[in-house]
Protein backbone atom coordinates (compact mmCIF):
# COMPACT_ATOMS: atom_id res chain seq x y z
CA MET A 1 23.94 -141.83 210.73
CA GLU A 2 24.96 -142.45 207.14
CA GLY A 3 21.39 -141.89 206.03
CA LYS A 4 21.28 -138.55 207.83
CA GLU A 5 24.56 -137.50 206.26
CA GLU A 6 23.12 -138.28 202.82
CA ASP A 7 20.06 -136.17 203.61
CA VAL A 8 22.27 -133.27 204.65
CA LYS A 9 24.33 -133.52 201.46
CA LEU A 10 21.16 -133.67 199.35
CA GLY A 11 19.79 -130.57 201.09
CA ALA A 12 23.03 -128.68 200.64
CA ASN A 13 23.10 -129.47 196.94
CA LYS A 14 19.43 -128.63 196.44
CA PHE A 15 19.62 -125.25 198.23
CA THR A 16 23.08 -124.03 197.36
CA GLU A 17 22.54 -120.36 198.15
CA ARG A 18 20.18 -117.95 199.79
CA GLN A 19 17.39 -116.48 197.66
CA PRO A 20 18.67 -113.14 196.26
CA LEU A 21 16.77 -109.95 197.07
CA GLY A 22 15.51 -107.06 194.93
CA THR A 23 15.92 -107.08 191.17
CA ALA A 24 18.43 -109.92 191.44
CA ALA A 25 15.61 -112.21 192.52
CA GLN A 26 14.47 -112.47 188.90
CA THR A 27 16.67 -113.83 186.16
CA ASP A 28 16.09 -114.90 182.61
CA LYS A 29 15.89 -118.48 183.88
CA ASP A 30 12.79 -117.99 186.03
CA TYR A 31 10.96 -115.19 184.20
CA LYS A 32 9.77 -114.77 180.66
CA GLU A 33 8.34 -111.56 179.29
CA PRO A 34 4.64 -112.06 178.44
CA PRO A 35 3.87 -111.74 174.73
CA PRO A 36 2.45 -108.37 173.59
CA ALA A 37 -1.30 -108.14 173.24
CA PRO A 38 -2.55 -108.31 169.65
CA LEU A 39 -3.63 -105.02 168.12
CA PHE A 40 -7.02 -106.42 167.16
CA GLU A 41 -8.65 -109.29 169.03
CA PRO A 42 -12.06 -110.06 167.43
CA GLY A 43 -12.54 -113.02 169.76
CA GLU A 44 -12.86 -110.66 172.72
CA LEU A 45 -16.17 -109.42 171.38
CA LYS A 46 -17.63 -112.89 171.98
CA SER A 47 -16.41 -113.12 175.57
CA TRP A 48 -18.55 -112.12 178.54
CA SER A 49 -15.41 -111.17 180.49
CA PHE A 50 -14.75 -108.45 177.90
CA TYR A 51 -18.12 -106.79 178.52
CA ARG A 52 -17.91 -107.39 182.27
CA ALA A 53 -14.60 -105.50 182.31
CA GLY A 54 -16.18 -102.63 180.37
CA ILE A 55 -19.07 -102.45 182.83
CA ALA A 56 -16.55 -102.40 185.68
CA GLU A 57 -14.78 -99.43 184.06
CA PHE A 58 -18.13 -97.66 183.69
CA MET A 59 -19.05 -98.23 187.33
CA ALA A 60 -15.59 -97.30 188.64
CA THR A 61 -15.52 -94.03 186.69
CA PHE A 62 -19.14 -93.28 187.58
CA LEU A 63 -18.35 -93.58 191.29
CA PHE A 64 -15.09 -91.69 190.85
CA LEU A 65 -16.89 -88.66 189.39
CA TYR A 66 -19.78 -88.93 191.83
CA ILE A 67 -17.54 -88.95 194.91
CA THR A 68 -14.97 -86.42 193.76
CA ILE A 69 -17.32 -83.81 192.27
CA LEU A 70 -19.54 -84.00 195.34
CA THR A 71 -16.40 -83.36 197.39
CA VAL A 72 -15.56 -80.34 195.22
CA MET A 73 -19.10 -79.03 195.69
CA GLY A 74 -18.88 -79.52 199.45
CA VAL A 75 -15.53 -77.73 199.71
CA LYS A 76 -16.77 -74.79 197.67
CA LYS A 77 -19.86 -74.44 199.87
CA SER A 78 -17.82 -74.59 203.07
CA PRO A 79 -17.48 -71.25 204.91
CA THR A 80 -13.86 -72.12 205.72
CA MET A 81 -12.74 -72.69 202.16
CA CYS A 82 -10.71 -69.47 201.97
CA ALA A 83 -13.29 -67.89 199.68
CA SER A 84 -11.41 -64.60 199.44
CA VAL A 85 -8.59 -66.20 197.45
CA GLY A 86 -10.46 -69.16 195.97
CA VAL A 87 -10.35 -72.87 196.75
CA HIS A 88 -7.32 -73.44 194.54
CA HIS A 89 -5.15 -71.27 196.78
CA CYS A 90 -6.26 -72.63 200.15
CA PRO A 91 -3.96 -75.40 201.48
CA SER A 92 -6.59 -77.01 203.70
CA SER A 93 -9.12 -77.09 200.88
CA PHE A 94 -6.97 -78.69 198.21
CA LEU A 95 -5.59 -81.11 200.81
CA SER A 96 -9.10 -82.43 201.35
CA LEU A 97 -9.71 -82.55 197.61
CA SER A 98 -6.44 -84.44 197.08
CA LEU A 99 -7.42 -86.97 199.72
CA ALA A 100 -10.84 -87.51 198.11
CA PHE A 101 -9.35 -88.17 194.68
CA SER A 102 -6.60 -90.43 196.02
CA VAL A 103 -8.73 -92.47 198.45
CA LYS A 104 -11.00 -93.41 195.56
CA HIS A 105 -7.92 -94.96 193.92
CA PHE A 106 -6.98 -96.73 197.17
CA THR A 107 -10.22 -98.67 196.83
CA GLY A 108 -9.40 -99.55 193.22
CA PHE A 109 -8.68 -103.21 194.04
CA VAL A 110 -12.43 -103.85 193.74
CA TRP A 111 -12.17 -103.04 190.02
CA PHE A 112 -8.50 -104.00 189.61
CA VAL A 113 -9.30 -107.71 189.67
CA VAL A 114 -12.02 -107.38 187.01
CA SER A 115 -10.76 -104.88 184.43
CA GLY A 116 -7.45 -103.61 185.75
CA GLY A 117 -9.20 -100.61 187.31
CA HIS A 118 -7.98 -98.05 184.77
CA ILE A 119 -10.71 -95.43 185.47
CA ASN A 120 -8.76 -93.16 183.14
CA PRO A 121 -8.35 -93.02 179.34
CA ALA A 122 -4.74 -91.85 179.79
CA VAL A 123 -3.89 -95.01 181.74
CA THR A 124 -5.62 -97.12 179.12
CA PHE A 125 -3.74 -95.30 176.34
CA GLY A 126 -0.39 -95.83 178.05
CA LEU A 127 -1.06 -99.54 178.50
CA LEU A 128 -2.15 -99.77 174.87
CA LEU A 129 1.15 -98.25 173.70
CA ALA A 130 2.97 -100.81 175.85
CA ARG A 131 0.93 -103.57 174.21
CA LYS A 132 -0.65 -104.60 177.50
CA LEU A 133 -4.10 -104.71 175.97
CA SER A 134 -5.64 -104.75 172.51
CA LEU A 135 -6.89 -101.72 170.61
CA THR A 136 -10.37 -103.25 170.71
CA ARG A 137 -10.36 -103.37 174.49
CA ALA A 138 -8.73 -99.94 174.82
CA ILE A 139 -11.41 -98.22 172.73
CA PHE A 140 -14.17 -100.02 174.63
CA TYR A 141 -12.66 -99.05 177.98
CA ILE A 142 -12.31 -95.37 177.00
CA VAL A 143 -15.91 -95.19 175.76
CA MET A 144 -17.20 -96.79 178.97
CA GLN A 145 -15.02 -94.52 181.12
CA CYS A 146 -16.38 -91.41 179.40
CA LEU A 147 -19.97 -92.61 179.72
CA GLY A 148 -19.43 -93.38 183.39
CA ALA A 149 -17.95 -89.94 183.97
CA ILE A 150 -20.88 -88.20 182.27
CA CYS A 151 -23.40 -90.19 184.32
CA GLY A 152 -21.51 -89.59 187.57
CA ALA A 153 -21.40 -85.83 187.01
CA GLY A 154 -25.05 -85.89 185.96
CA VAL A 155 -26.13 -87.55 189.21
CA VAL A 156 -24.24 -84.89 191.20
CA LYS A 157 -26.04 -82.14 189.26
CA GLY A 158 -29.34 -83.87 190.06
CA PHE A 159 -28.55 -83.82 193.77
CA GLU A 160 -27.22 -80.27 193.86
CA GLY A 161 -29.79 -78.72 191.52
CA SER A 162 -28.96 -76.88 188.32
CA GLN A 163 -28.56 -73.43 189.88
CA SER A 164 -26.29 -74.54 192.72
CA TYR A 165 -24.30 -76.79 190.40
CA GLU A 166 -23.58 -73.92 188.00
CA VAL A 167 -22.72 -71.44 190.76
CA LEU A 168 -20.21 -73.91 192.23
CA GLY A 169 -18.56 -74.51 188.86
CA GLY A 170 -19.65 -78.08 188.28
CA GLY A 171 -16.23 -79.47 189.14
CA ALA A 172 -15.04 -78.55 185.66
CA ASN A 173 -11.31 -78.31 184.95
CA VAL A 174 -9.96 -74.96 183.71
CA VAL A 175 -6.57 -73.29 183.68
CA ASN A 176 -6.72 -70.94 186.67
CA SER A 177 -6.02 -67.23 186.50
CA GLY A 178 -2.36 -66.37 186.77
CA TYR A 179 -1.30 -69.33 184.66
CA THR A 180 -0.94 -69.67 180.89
CA LYS A 181 -2.26 -72.47 178.74
CA GLY A 182 1.33 -73.63 178.41
CA ASP A 183 1.54 -73.88 182.20
CA GLY A 184 -1.63 -75.93 182.26
CA LEU A 185 -0.46 -78.23 179.50
CA GLY A 186 2.88 -78.79 181.21
CA ALA A 187 1.21 -79.53 184.54
CA GLU A 188 -1.08 -82.08 182.92
CA ILE A 189 1.81 -83.78 181.08
CA VAL A 190 3.98 -84.08 184.19
CA GLY A 191 1.10 -85.07 186.46
CA THR A 192 -0.08 -87.79 184.12
CA PHE A 193 3.48 -89.03 183.62
CA VAL A 194 3.78 -89.53 187.40
CA LEU A 195 0.46 -91.35 187.55
CA VAL A 196 0.95 -93.64 184.55
CA TYR A 197 4.56 -94.47 185.41
CA THR A 198 3.38 -95.44 188.91
CA VAL A 199 0.74 -97.68 187.32
CA PHE A 200 3.41 -99.39 185.19
CA SER A 201 5.72 -99.88 188.16
CA ALA A 202 3.01 -101.04 190.57
CA THR A 203 1.58 -103.59 188.11
CA ASP A 204 4.84 -104.73 186.51
CA ALA A 205 4.57 -108.38 185.45
CA LYS A 206 8.10 -109.12 186.62
CA ARG A 207 7.35 -107.83 190.11
CA ASN A 208 4.11 -109.81 190.15
CA ALA A 209 6.05 -112.97 189.35
CA ARG A 210 8.47 -112.31 192.20
CA ASP A 211 6.13 -110.93 194.87
CA SER A 212 2.66 -112.43 195.14
CA HIS A 213 1.38 -109.48 197.21
CA VAL A 214 2.03 -106.93 194.44
CA PRO A 215 -1.40 -107.17 192.72
CA ILE A 216 -3.15 -106.62 196.07
CA LEU A 217 -1.06 -103.59 197.02
CA ALA A 218 -0.98 -101.98 193.55
CA PRO A 219 -3.80 -99.47 194.24
CA LEU A 220 -1.88 -98.04 197.22
CA PRO A 221 1.08 -96.47 195.38
CA ILE A 222 -1.26 -95.41 192.59
CA GLY A 223 -3.49 -93.66 195.13
CA PHE A 224 -0.48 -91.93 196.70
CA ALA A 225 0.66 -90.77 193.26
CA VAL A 226 -2.78 -89.26 192.62
CA PHE A 227 -2.65 -87.55 196.02
CA LEU A 228 0.74 -85.95 195.37
CA VAL A 229 -0.14 -84.86 191.84
CA HIS A 230 -3.31 -83.18 193.10
CA LEU A 231 -1.41 -81.34 195.79
CA ALA A 232 0.93 -79.97 193.13
CA THR A 233 -1.47 -79.15 190.30
CA ILE A 234 -4.80 -78.17 191.87
CA PRO A 235 -3.67 -74.52 191.95
CA ILE A 236 -2.87 -74.65 188.22
CA THR A 237 -5.62 -76.64 186.50
CA GLY A 238 -7.73 -78.12 189.27
CA THR A 239 -5.90 -81.32 188.28
CA GLY A 240 -7.26 -83.17 185.31
CA ILE A 241 -4.83 -86.04 184.51
CA ASN A 242 -7.96 -87.95 183.51
CA PRO A 243 -9.65 -86.98 180.23
CA ALA A 244 -12.87 -88.79 181.15
CA ARG A 245 -13.15 -86.86 184.40
CA SER A 246 -12.62 -83.54 182.59
CA LEU A 247 -15.02 -84.43 179.77
CA GLY A 248 -17.81 -85.68 182.04
CA ALA A 249 -17.74 -82.55 184.20
CA ALA A 250 -17.59 -80.25 181.16
CA ILE A 251 -20.51 -81.91 179.39
CA ILE A 252 -22.81 -81.65 182.41
CA PHE A 253 -21.62 -78.15 183.37
CA ASN A 254 -21.78 -77.07 179.70
CA ARG A 255 -20.40 -73.56 179.91
CA GLU A 256 -18.09 -71.96 177.36
CA HIS A 257 -15.13 -71.50 179.68
CA ALA A 258 -15.26 -75.21 180.56
CA TRP A 259 -14.69 -76.03 176.87
CA ASP A 260 -12.03 -73.41 176.14
CA ASP A 261 -9.25 -75.45 177.75
CA MET A 262 -10.64 -78.93 177.10
CA TRP A 263 -7.91 -79.77 174.60
CA ILE A 264 -5.33 -79.34 177.38
CA PHE A 265 -7.03 -82.04 179.45
CA TRP A 266 -6.85 -84.53 176.58
CA VAL A 267 -3.57 -83.65 174.86
CA GLY A 268 -1.64 -83.24 178.12
CA PRO A 269 -2.62 -86.56 179.72
CA PHE A 270 -2.10 -88.50 176.48
CA ILE A 271 1.38 -87.03 176.01
CA GLY A 272 2.21 -87.77 179.65
CA ALA A 273 0.94 -91.34 179.32
CA ALA A 274 2.95 -91.91 176.13
CA LEU A 275 6.13 -90.61 177.78
CA ALA A 276 5.56 -92.82 180.83
CA ALA A 277 5.00 -95.89 178.64
CA MET A 278 8.17 -95.24 176.65
CA TYR A 279 10.24 -94.54 179.76
CA HIS A 280 9.12 -97.72 181.51
CA GLN A 281 9.28 -100.03 178.51
CA ILE A 282 12.46 -98.69 176.88
CA VAL A 283 14.58 -97.21 179.67
CA ILE A 284 13.59 -99.20 182.76
CA ARG A 285 12.71 -102.58 181.29
CA ALA A 286 14.72 -102.30 178.04
CA ILE A 287 12.17 -104.55 176.38
CA PRO A 288 13.00 -103.57 172.76
CA PHE A 289 16.63 -104.52 173.37
CA LYS A 290 15.70 -107.83 175.00
CA SER A 291 13.60 -108.80 172.00
CA ARG A 292 16.61 -108.37 169.72
CA ALA A 293 18.86 -110.51 171.86
């Protein structure tokens, strides 16, 4: 009996309180902020994992453009696409487009475990500003994303044929009639902010340390964010929020009106990504203030 009493006392002392929930589950005692990635990392260039990650970004963006632009082509050819007012003003049409773009992100875990599954220069830029990856890797990722996007759009053009591809608009992003360039820029900034902030929140290192299932589920909230942003901004810009996607479609489509607004689909997403990075790192995580403590 005495031995059992000792065991009970030992257990009571070892587990003095119930594990706290939510943000209280992590304290300074059991979590340390990972060090920022170096700006330049020459050693990466000698690592196979570096090039494997770049190839993964190429393949992910290639498939992203292939699937989504084919979906755009299919919707535009559909007799029920509300042709009289245009696809961008038909709820059923841009619902299907939103689902296509978001479901591709749902499957992002395939690439998430290899390269982080950025598939988007704006995401890469935001993570670079937050020092989550080196400048070397960021540049390599963006180049591979753009190449993948160009190839993906090119394959779609090969399937559709040049004439059909041009008639259907090539999936190129433009500011739609009835909206100003300022409207388009604002939509791209806000849309990309939502996406990149969701990426930061879904992949937060502190949450990963607390909840082991977070890395597996990360593509789900990111996919939902893409879905919601597309629902909101398809009528305005066709929804860019991904400079590689806009560039790849424009290069293969190669018509003047596809290039007129191209700056919006690079400047907007990069501003949105920068704002999301600052908001998450400074306001939510207060990392600059922690480093001074």
